[in-house]
Each structure stands twice: as structure tokens, then as C-alpha cells.
C-alpha atoms as a PDB file:
ATOM      1  CA  MET A   1      -9.717  23.306  -6.659  1.00  0.00           C
ATOM      2  CA  ASN A   2      -8.415  20.484  -4.447  1.00  0.00           C
ATOM      3  CA  ILE A   3      -8.130  16.885  -5.613  1.00  0.00           C
ATOM      4  CA  SER A   4     -11.436  15.883  -3.984  1.00  0.00           C
ATOM      5  CA  ASP A   5     -13.197  18.652  -5.901  1.00  0.00           C
ATOM      6  CA  THR A   6     -11.524  17.452  -9.110  1.00  0.00           C
ATOM      7  CA  LEU A   7     -12.656  13.897  -8.410  1.00  0.00           C
ATOM      8  CA  LYS A   8     -16.231  15.067  -7.955  1.00  0.00           C
ATOM      9  CA  LYS A   9     -16.292  17.512 -10.882  1.00  0.00           C
ATOM     10  CA  PHE A  10     -14.783  15.313 -13.571  1.00  0.00           C
ATOM     11  CA  TYR A  11     -15.557  11.784 -12.366  1.00  0.00           C
ATOM     12  CA  GLY A  12     -18.656  12.189 -10.218  1.00  0.00           C
ATOM     13  CA  TYR A  13     -17.208  10.357  -7.190  1.00  0.00           C
ATOM     14  CA  ASP A  14     -17.459  11.654  -3.635  1.00  0.00           C
ATOM     15  CA  ASP A  15     -14.569   9.605  -2.287  1.00  0.00           C
ATOM     16  CA  PHE A  16     -11.344   8.056  -3.527  1.00  0.00           C
ATOM     17  CA  ARG A  17     -10.882   4.308  -3.555  1.00  0.00           C
ATOM     18  CA  PRO A  18      -8.169   2.826  -1.304  1.00  0.00           C
ATOM     19  CA  LEU A  19      -4.659   4.167  -2.112  1.00  0.00           C
ATOM     20  CA  GLN A  20      -5.853   6.482  -4.899  1.00  0.00           C
ATOM     21  CA  GLU A  21      -5.625   9.692  -2.885  1.00  0.00           C
ATOM     22  CA  GLU A  22      -2.128   8.951  -1.592  1.00  0.00           C
ATOM     23  CA  ILE A  23      -0.927   8.021  -5.087  1.00  0.00           C
ATOM     24  CA  VAL A  24      -2.388  11.206  -6.560  1.00  0.00           C
ATOM     25  CA  GLU A  25      -0.679  13.352  -3.908  1.00  0.00           C
ATOM     26  CA  THR A  26       2.620  11.532  -4.455  1.00  0.00           C
ATOM     27  CA  ILE A  27       2.638  12.403  -8.157  1.00  0.00           C
ATOM     28  CA  ILE A  28       1.351  15.965  -7.709  1.00  0.00           C
ATOM     29  CA  THR A  29       4.251  16.699  -5.347  1.00  0.00           C
ATOM     30  CA  GLY A  30       6.703  15.506  -8.009  1.00  0.00           C
ATOM     31  CA  ASN A  31       7.617  12.046  -6.711  1.00  0.00           C
ATOM     32  CA  ASP A  32       7.781   8.758  -8.616  1.00  0.00           C
ATOM     33  CA  ALA A  33       5.350   5.928  -7.906  1.00  0.00           C
ATOM     34  CA  PHE A  34       4.764   2.290  -8.756  1.00  0.00           C
ATOM     35  CA  VAL A  35       1.145   1.116  -8.646  1.00  0.00           C
ATOM     36  CA  LEU A  36       0.003  -2.503  -8.605  1.00  0.00           C
ATOM     37  CA  MET A  37      -3.775  -2.472  -8.716  1.00  0.00           C
ATOM     38  CA  PRO A  38      -6.319  -4.984 -10.050  1.00  0.00           C
ATOM     39  CA  THR A  39      -8.148  -4.347 -13.308  1.00  0.00           C
ATOM     40  CA  GLY A  40     -11.090  -2.103 -12.549  1.00  0.00           C
ATOM     41  CA  GLY A  41      -9.399  -0.770  -9.420  1.00  0.00           C
ATOM     42  CA  GLY A  42      -9.148   2.795 -10.712  1.00  0.00           C
ATOM     43  CA  LYS A  43      -5.555   3.056 -11.927  1.00  0.00           C
ATOM     44  CA  SER A  44      -6.281   5.753 -14.528  1.00  0.00           C
ATOM     45  CA  ILE A  45      -7.454   8.269 -11.920  1.00  0.00           C
ATOM     46  CA  CYS A  46      -4.044   7.917 -10.249  1.00  0.00           C
ATOM     47  CA  TYR A  47      -2.380   9.796 -13.127  1.00  0.00           C
ATOM     48  CA  GLN A  48      -5.304  11.662 -14.684  1.00  0.00           C
ATOM     49  CA  ILE A  49      -6.001  13.808 -11.633  1.00  0.00           C
ATOM     50  CA  PRO A  50      -2.303  14.731 -11.162  1.00  0.00           C
ATOM     51  CA  ALA A  51      -2.261  15.664 -14.861  1.00  0.00           C
ATOM     52  CA  LEU A  52      -5.027  18.174 -14.171  1.00  0.00           C
ATOM     53  CA  HIS A  53      -3.234  19.654 -11.159  1.00  0.00           C
ATOM     54  CA  ARG A  54       0.283  19.913 -12.577  1.00  0.00           C
ATOM     55  CA  LYS A  55       1.383  22.495 -15.108  1.00  0.00           C
ATOM     56  CA  GLY A  56       1.938  21.179 -18.640  1.00  0.00           C
ATOM     57  CA  ILE A  57       0.952  18.037 -20.521  1.00  0.00           C
ATOM     58  CA  ALA A  58       0.960  14.474 -19.192  1.00  0.00           C
ATOM     59  CA  LEU A  59       2.308  11.738 -21.452  1.00  0.00           C
ATOM     60  CA  ILE A  60       0.746   8.313 -20.994  1.00  0.00           C
ATOM     61  CA  ILE A  61       2.559   5.402 -22.624  1.00  0.00           C
ATOM     62  CA  SER A  62       0.224   2.500 -23.385  1.00  0.00           C
ATOM     63  CA  PRO A  63       0.575  -0.528 -25.690  1.00  0.00           C
ATOM     64  CA  LEU A  64      -3.154  -0.851 -26.358  1.00  0.00           C
ATOM     65  CA  ILE A  65      -4.624   1.260 -29.164  1.00  0.00           C
ATOM     66  CA  ALA A  66      -8.215   0.365 -28.284  1.00  0.00           C
ATOM     67  CA  LEU A  67      -7.672   1.368 -24.654  1.00  0.00           C
ATOM     68  CA  MET A  68      -6.169   4.704 -25.721  1.00  0.00           C
ATOM     69  CA  LYS A  69      -9.249   5.494 -27.794  1.00  0.00           C
ATOM     70  CA  ASP A  70     -11.608   4.560 -24.963  1.00  0.00           C
ATOM     71  CA  GLN A  71      -9.667   6.618 -22.414  1.00  0.00           C
ATOM     72  CA  VAL A  72      -9.473   9.696 -24.633  1.00  0.00           C
ATOM     73  CA  MET A  73     -13.166   9.474 -25.508  1.00  0.00           C
ATOM     74  CA  ALA A  74     -14.105   9.263 -21.829  1.00  0.00           C
ATOM     75  CA  LEU A  75     -11.830  12.167 -20.901  1.00  0.00           C
ATOM     76  CA  ARG A  76     -13.225  14.382 -23.643  1.00  0.00           C
ATOM     77  CA  GLN A  77     -16.776  13.573 -22.568  1.00  0.00           C
ATOM     78  CA  ASN A  78     -15.787  14.794 -19.101  1.00  0.00           C
ATOM     79  CA  GLY A  79     -14.436  18.044 -20.522  1.00  0.00           C
ATOM     80  CA  ILE A  80     -10.735  17.161 -20.286  1.00  0.00           C
ATOM     81  CA  PRO A  81      -8.715  18.015 -23.448  1.00  0.00           C
ATOM     82  CA  SER A  82      -6.954  14.791 -24.453  1.00  0.00           C
ATOM     83  CA  ALA A  83      -5.559  13.063 -27.528  1.00  0.00           C
ATOM     84  CA  PHE A  84      -3.618  10.022 -28.675  1.00  0.00           C
ATOM     85  CA  ILE A  85      -0.910   9.346 -31.244  1.00  0.00           C
ATOM     86  CA  ASN A  86      -0.461   5.849 -32.622  1.00  0.00           C
ATOM     87  CA  SER A  87      -0.342   3.883 -35.871  1.00  0.00           C
ATOM     88  CA  SER A  88      -4.076   4.356 -36.483  1.00  0.00           C
ATOM     89  CA  LEU A  89      -3.515   8.017 -37.425  1.00  0.00           C
ATOM     90  CA  ASN A  90      -2.174   9.422 -40.677  1.00  0.00           C
ATOM     91  CA  HIS A  91       0.657  11.953 -40.945  1.00  0.00           C
ATOM     92  CA  SER A  92      -1.648  14.957 -41.174  1.00  0.00           C
ATOM     93  CA  GLU A  93      -3.648  13.906 -38.106  1.00  0.00           C
ATOM     94  CA  ILE A  94      -0.475  13.407 -36.092  1.00  0.00           C
ATOM     95  CA  ASN A  95       0.870  16.839 -37.090  1.00  0.00           C
ATOM     96  CA  ASN A  96      -2.402  18.441 -36.021  1.00  0.00           C
ATOM     97  CA  ILE A  97      -2.283  16.797 -32.592  1.00  0.00           C
ATOM     98  CA  VAL A  98       1.385  17.702 -32.130  1.00  0.00           C
ATOM     99  CA  SER A  99       0.554  21.349 -32.888  1.00  0.00           C
ATOM    100  CA  GLN A 100      -2.236  21.310 -30.282  1.00  0.00           C
ATOM    101  CA  CYS A 101       0.142  19.828 -27.711  1.00  0.00           C
ATOM    102  CA  ILE A 102       2.814  22.448 -28.361  1.00  0.00           C
ATOM    103  CA  GLU A 103       0.190  25.198 -28.092  1.00  0.00           C
ATOM    104  CA  GLY A 104      -0.862  23.875 -24.670  1.00  0.00           C
ATOM    105  CA  LYS A 105      -4.347  22.819 -25.766  1.00  0.00           C
ATOM    106  CA  ILE A 106      -3.966  19.190 -24.589  1.00  0.00           C
ATOM    107  CA  LYS A 107      -3.624  18.043 -20.962  1.00  0.00           C
ATOM    108  CA  LEU A 108      -3.174  14.306 -21.536  1.00  0.00           C
ATOM    109  CA  LEU A 109      -1.505  12.707 -24.552  1.00  0.00           C
ATOM    110  CA  TYR A 110      -1.572   8.930 -24.989  1.00  0.00           C
ATOM    111  CA  LEU A 111       1.291   7.376 -26.955  1.00  0.00           C
ATOM    112  CA  SER A 112       2.287   3.858 -27.906  1.00  0.00           C
ATOM    113  CA  PRO A 113       5.843   3.025 -26.784  1.00  0.00           C
ATOM    114  CA  GLU A 114       6.890   2.740 -30.433  1.00  0.00           C
ATOM    115  CA  THR A 115       5.530   6.221 -31.170  1.00  0.00           C
ATOM    116  CA  LEU A 116       7.291   7.706 -28.157  1.00  0.00           C
ATOM    117  CA  ILE A 117      10.651   6.292 -29.232  1.00  0.00           C
ATOM    118  CA  VAL A 118      10.214   7.582 -32.796  1.00  0.00           C
ATOM    119  CA  GLN A 119       8.975  11.007 -31.672  1.00  0.00           C
ATOM    120  CA  LYS A 120      11.215  11.503 -28.631  1.00  0.00           C
ATOM    121  CA  GLU A 121      13.571  14.019 -30.245  1.00  0.00           C
ATOM    122  CA  ASN A 122      10.985  15.816 -32.360  1.00  0.00           C
ATOM    123  CA  LEU A 123       8.115  15.963 -29.865  1.00  0.00           C
ATOM    124  CA  LEU A 124       9.342  15.804 -26.283  1.00  0.00           C
ATOM    125  CA  ASN A 125      11.745  18.734 -26.598  1.00  0.00           C
ATOM    126  CA  GLN A 126       8.864  21.002 -27.604  1.00  0.00           C
ATOM    127  CA  LEU A 127       6.530  20.143 -24.710  1.00  0.00           C
ATOM    128  CA  ASP A 128       6.142  21.331 -21.153  1.00  0.00           C
ATOM    129  CA  ILE A 129       5.730  17.850 -19.635  1.00  0.00           C
ATOM    130  CA  SER A 130       3.940  17.456 -16.304  1.00  0.00           C
ATOM    131  CA  LEU A 131       4.380  13.721 -15.773  1.00  0.00           C
ATOM    132  CA  PHE A 132       5.030  10.386 -17.458  1.00  0.00           C
ATOM    133  CA  ALA A 133       2.591   7.513 -16.876  1.00  0.00           C
ATOM    134  CA  ILE A 134       3.717   4.041 -17.976  1.00  0.00           C
ATOM    135  CA  ASP A 135       0.587   1.919 -18.264  1.00  0.00           C
ATOM    136  CA  GLU A 136       0.742  -1.889 -18.504  1.00  0.00           C
ATOM    137  CA  ALA A 137       4.214  -1.512 -17.005  1.00  0.00           C
ATOM    138  CA  HIS A 138       4.756  -5.276 -16.794  1.00  0.00           C
ATOM    139  CA  CYS A 139       5.495  -5.088 -20.531  1.00  0.00           C
ATOM    140  CA  ILE A 140       8.868  -3.545 -19.674  1.00  0.00           C
ATOM    141  CA  SER A 141      10.090  -6.664 -17.910  1.00  0.00           C
ATOM    142  CA  ALA A 142      11.375  -9.825 -19.532  1.00  0.00           C
ATOM    143  CA  TRP A 143       9.903 -11.540 -16.462  1.00  0.00           C
ATOM    144  CA  GLY A 144       6.435 -10.262 -17.326  1.00  0.00           C
ATOM    145  CA  HIS A 145       3.946 -12.209 -19.413  1.00  0.00           C
ATOM    146  CA  ASP A 146       3.622  -9.610 -22.175  1.00  0.00           C
ATOM    147  CA  PHE A 147       7.189  -8.424 -22.812  1.00  0.00           C
ATOM    148  CA  ARG A 148       7.528  -5.587 -25.357  1.00  0.00           C
ATOM    149  CA  LYS A 149      11.080  -4.675 -26.398  1.00  0.00           C
ATOM    150  CA  GLU A 150      10.142  -1.026 -27.033  1.00  0.00           C
ATOM    151  CA  TYR A 151       9.323  -0.682 -23.355  1.00  0.00           C
ATOM    152  CA  THR A 152      12.921  -1.481 -22.408  1.00  0.00           C
ATOM    153  CA  GLN A 153      14.011   1.819 -23.973  1.00  0.00           C
ATOM    154  CA  LEU A 154      11.869   3.923 -21.642  1.00  0.00           C
ATOM    155  CA  GLY A 155      14.634   4.168 -19.068  1.00  0.00           C
ATOM    156  CA  PHE A 156      15.869   7.293 -20.860  1.00  0.00           C
ATOM    157  CA  LEU A 157      12.903   9.281 -19.516  1.00  0.00           C
ATOM    158  CA  LYS A 158      14.209   9.587 -15.942  1.00  0.00           C
ATOM    159  CA  ILE A 159      17.750  10.234 -17.185  1.00  0.00           C
ATOM    160  CA  LYS A 160      16.702  13.006 -19.580  1.00  0.00           C
ATOM    161  CA  TYR A 161      13.926  14.411 -17.375  1.00  0.00           C
ATOM    162  CA  PRO A 162      15.063  13.712 -13.785  1.00  0.00           C
ATOM    163  CA  HIS A 163      12.674  16.224 -12.217  1.00  0.00           C
ATOM    164  CA  ILE A 164       9.495  15.000 -13.962  1.00  0.00           C
ATOM    165  CA  PRO A 165       7.584  12.362 -11.959  1.00  0.00           C
ATOM    166  CA  ILE A 166       7.039   8.908 -13.407  1.00  0.00           C
ATOM    167  CA  ILE A 167       4.170   6.645 -12.398  1.00  0.00           C
ATOM    168  CA  ALA A 168       4.296   3.000 -13.522  1.00  0.00           C
ATOM    169  CA  LEU A 169       1.038   1.062 -13.359  1.00  0.00           C
ATOM    170  CA  THR A 170       0.117  -2.577 -13.835  1.00  0.00           C
ATOM    171  CA  ALA A 171      -2.427  -5.139 -12.716  1.00  0.00           C
ATOM    172  CA  THR A 172       0.012  -8.036 -12.855  1.00  0.00           C
ATOM    173  CA  ALA A 173       3.552  -8.184 -11.471  1.00  0.00           C
ATOM    174  CA  ASP A 174       5.193 -10.424  -8.892  1.00  0.00           C
ATOM    175  CA  LYS A 175       8.071  -9.159  -6.728  1.00  0.00           C
ATOM    176  CA  VAL A 176      10.765 -10.058  -9.275  1.00  0.00           C
ATOM    177  CA  THR A 177       8.872  -8.316 -12.072  1.00  0.00           C
ATOM    178  CA  ARG A 178       8.218  -5.247  -9.897  1.00  0.00           C
ATOM    179  CA  ASN A 179      11.898  -4.873  -9.088  1.00  0.00           C
ATOM    180  CA  ASP A 180      12.811  -5.278 -12.747  1.00  0.00           C
ATOM    181  CA  ILE A 181      10.294  -2.594 -13.783  1.00  0.00           C
ATOM    182  CA  LEU A 182      11.716  -0.118 -11.255  1.00  0.00           C
ATOM    183  CA  LYS A 183      15.269  -0.846 -12.363  1.00  0.00           C
ATOM    184  CA  GLN A 184      14.504  -0.575 -16.077  1.00  0.00           C
ATOM    185  CA  LEU A 185      12.736   2.770 -15.583  1.00  0.00           C
ATOM    186  CA  ASN A 186      15.499   4.078 -13.290  1.00  0.00           C
ATOM    187  CA  ILE A 187      13.010   4.749 -10.489  1.00  0.00           C
ATOM    188  CA  GLU A 188      14.283   2.327  -7.857  1.00  0.00           C
ATOM    189  CA  ASN A 189      13.345   4.800  -5.107  1.00  0.00           C
ATOM    190  CA  ALA A 190       9.742   5.182  -6.288  1.00  0.00           C
ATOM    191  CA  LYS A 191       7.087   4.769  -3.624  1.00  0.00           C
ATOM    192  CA  GLN A 192       5.295   1.470  -4.151  1.00  0.00           C
ATOM    193  CA  PHE A 193       1.548   1.055  -3.767  1.00  0.00           C
ATOM    194  CA  ILE A 194       0.252  -2.529  -3.699  1.00  0.00           C
ATOM    195  CA  ALA A 195      -3.536  -2.686  -3.657  1.00  0.00           C
ATOM    196  CA  SER A 196      -5.503  -5.609  -2.329  1.00  0.00           C
ATOM    197  CA  PHE A 197      -6.736  -8.050  -4.944  1.00  0.00           C
ATOM    198  CA  ASP A 198      -9.522  -9.301  -2.698  1.00  0.00           C
ATOM    199  CA  ARG A 199     -12.807  -9.022  -4.602  1.00  0.00           C
ATOM    200  CA  PRO A 200     -15.732  -9.846  -2.271  1.00  0.00           C
ATOM    201  CA  ASN A 201     -18.037 -10.241  -5.269  1.00  0.00           C
ATOM    202  CA  LEU A 202     -15.878 -13.028  -6.754  1.00  0.00           C
ATOM    203  CA  HIS A 203     -15.731 -16.637  -5.608  1.00  0.00           C
ATOM    204  CA  LEU A 204     -13.077 -19.018  -6.900  1.00  0.00           C
ATOM    205  CA  LYS A 205     -13.361 -22.773  -6.745  1.00  0.00           C
ATOM    206  CA  VAL A 206     -11.159 -25.521  -8.188  1.00  0.00           C
ATOM    207  CA  VAL A 207     -12.733 -28.869  -9.056  1.00  0.00           C
ATOM    208  CA  LYS A 208     -10.750 -32.007  -9.886  1.00  0.00           C
ATOM    209  CA  ALA A 209     -10.723 -32.841 -13.594  1.00  0.00           C
ATOM    210  CA  ALA A 210     -13.431 -35.269 -14.654  1.00  0.00           C
ATOM    211  CA  PRO A 211     -14.257 -37.232 -17.832  1.00  0.00           C
ATOM    212  CA  GLU A 212     -15.384 -35.035 -20.707  1.00  0.00           C
ATOM    213  CA  GLN A 213     -19.078 -35.803 -20.448  1.00  0.00           C
ATOM    214  CA  ALA A 214     -18.999 -35.137 -16.703  1.00  0.00           C
ATOM    215  CA  LYS A 215     -17.527 -31.693 -17.384  1.00  0.00           C
ATOM    216  CA  ILE A 216     -20.269 -30.949 -19.892  1.00  0.00           C
ATOM    217  CA  ASP A 217     -22.921 -32.128 -17.430  1.00  0.00           C
ATOM    218  CA  LYS A 218     -21.457 -29.782 -14.798  1.00  0.00           C
ATOM    219  CA  ILE A 219     -21.582 -26.837 -17.196  1.00  0.00           C
ATOM    220  CA  ILE A 220     -25.213 -27.626 -18.058  1.00  0.00           C
ATOM    221  CA  GLU A 221     -25.997 -27.867 -14.356  1.00  0.00           C
ATOM    222  CA  LEU A 222     -24.518 -24.416 -13.738  1.00  0.00           C
ATOM    223  CA  TYR A 223     -26.352 -23.027 -16.748  1.00  0.00           C
ATOM    224  CA  HIS A 224     -29.702 -24.114 -15.317  1.00  0.00           C
ATOM    225  CA  LYS A 225     -28.736 -23.047 -11.801  1.00  0.00           C
ATOM    226  CA  TYR A 226     -28.146 -19.445 -12.913  1.00  0.00           C
ATOM    227  CA  PRO A 227     -30.630 -18.973 -15.790  1.00  0.00           C
ATOM    228  CA  ASN A 228     -30.634 -15.168 -15.666  1.00  0.00           C
ATOM    229  CA  SER A 229     -26.901 -14.645 -15.206  1.00  0.00           C
ATOM    230  CA  SER A 230     -24.052 -14.246 -17.673  1.00  0.00           C
ATOM    231  CA  GLY A 231     -20.812 -16.161 -17.687  1.00  0.00           C
ATOM    232  CA  ILE A 232     -17.758 -17.219 -19.665  1.00  0.00           C
ATOM    233  CA  ILE A 233     -16.766 -20.774 -20.572  1.00  0.00           C
ATOM    234  CA  TYR A 234     -13.132 -21.206 -21.597  1.00  0.00           C
ATOM    235  CA  CYS A 235     -12.203 -24.041 -23.953  1.00  0.00           C
ATOM    236  CA  LEU A 236      -8.774 -25.209 -25.029  1.00  0.00           C
ATOM    237  CA  SER A 237      -9.442 -25.137 -28.760  1.00  0.00           C
ATOM    238  CA  ARG A 238     -11.855 -23.897 -31.386  1.00  0.00           C
ATOM    239  CA  LYS A 239     -12.931 -27.471 -32.037  1.00  0.00           C
ATOM    240  CA  SER A 240     -13.872 -28.080 -28.411  1.00  0.00           C
ATOM    241  CA  THR A 241     -15.666 -24.702 -28.314  1.00  0.00           C
ATOM    242  CA  GLU A 242     -17.797 -25.613 -31.309  1.00  0.00           C
ATOM    243  CA  LYS A 243     -18.510 -29.021 -29.870  1.00  0.00           C
ATOM    244  CA  LEU A 244     -19.680 -27.572 -26.575  1.00  0.00           C
ATOM    245  CA  ARG A 245     -21.830 -25.007 -28.316  1.00  0.00           C
END
């Protein structure tokens, strides 16, 4: 089965989105990659399809427990054996998942960075690892907006497993942050993929600040202008939110 067949069988898509196919091929052939792609741009396919085409188990490091659960649920619904290990599981549940991984019954395992660091000696040495995916990779950089100290320890992966490809993915990283991520992960030579953030369905407009009542009048005007649409109104405090409501 080629990667287009995999895309169709497990995800129902006839074609890849821009850059996806090249990223997938980069990882399948054993090379490192850095992916900057907007939220909703299809980052997960960039490591999930290589995980299905490479021998062994893919380890995905993610800081978001809720996202892990959603990803694993979606993968299982598509017939892809997946699991996660994080603080939401008890000791018995973790041992059961570890056993399945060692037996080769899992293709994708999601881990929090804290769990990976704790389990790195006990778990990693027992697995046939196909690839490492570092999701929300901006967390590794002190220049990023969501710095997580556990992420800074992930540089050991390329040192200990030099022949296993690493793919780092994020939706937010300027040039300084990107360079820091590559350096921290020891993948300075990784191929970089920077997707366009142009969203034709989105229109941005900045309006000069006005007196409070004028702002409220503008919001009411928009509310009546789009009566059957949904939207989000951001307020600076709970008090101002309740007042507007």
C-alpha cells in the first residue's frame, strides 16, 4: 500500500494537503523534519502515516492530555492500534499498555514529556521505535510562549537514537524559536516545512479603540448583522464579560 492508498483507507481523503506528502516521504525515508503549520492544517497526518509505513512503534510526545485522548480515539475508530500514557492512568493501566507496546500490538503511543523522561530507561529500551514526533514543539524553546522545562530534556533522543527520524511540529514559532527548537532537539539539519498561514475564509480587521459604550454598540451591530452565525467575543476580565452579557 502506498501513502496515497493509506490516506484514502484510514482518513478518507483523495489528496494530500500542501506539503503533507513531502513531509510524509521525508519521515518514511528516515530523515528529520520540522513542520510549521497552522492549527487545522493537518499536522497529525504528517507523522501518523509514516508511523503506519515504518516498522515498529511511533512515539508522539505531546503536552496536552485532552488532545492525546482525542487523537487516540480517532485513530482507534479508523482501525489504527494506538494508546497513550499520562498522569490520567493508574499503575495497572500503564503496565497493560506497556506490555501491548512491547508485544508490538500498538503502532502509535502518545506520551507526555514528563512521562517520557520518567519512562525513558524502562520503556524505550524495550521498544522497536519507528519515529519520534514532538508535537507543540514550541514548548521546547524559552523563546516560545508556552515553555515547558521537561521539553528541554528531549535532546537526548537524537543522541541515543541517531538513526530514528524525529519530526517536530508546531503552529507557532518565529525564526528565532524555530532555530532554538532545532538546536535543542539536535536536529539542526532537519528539513524545514513552513506552510502558508493564509486562510481565505478568514478576514481580519483592526478598528481604533472607542469609548466603552461605542464598543458595545458595535458588538450589538455585528450581532444583528449576522443573526444566524456564531462568534467569539473576548473580554479582558470576568467582570467585563458579565457586564457585556
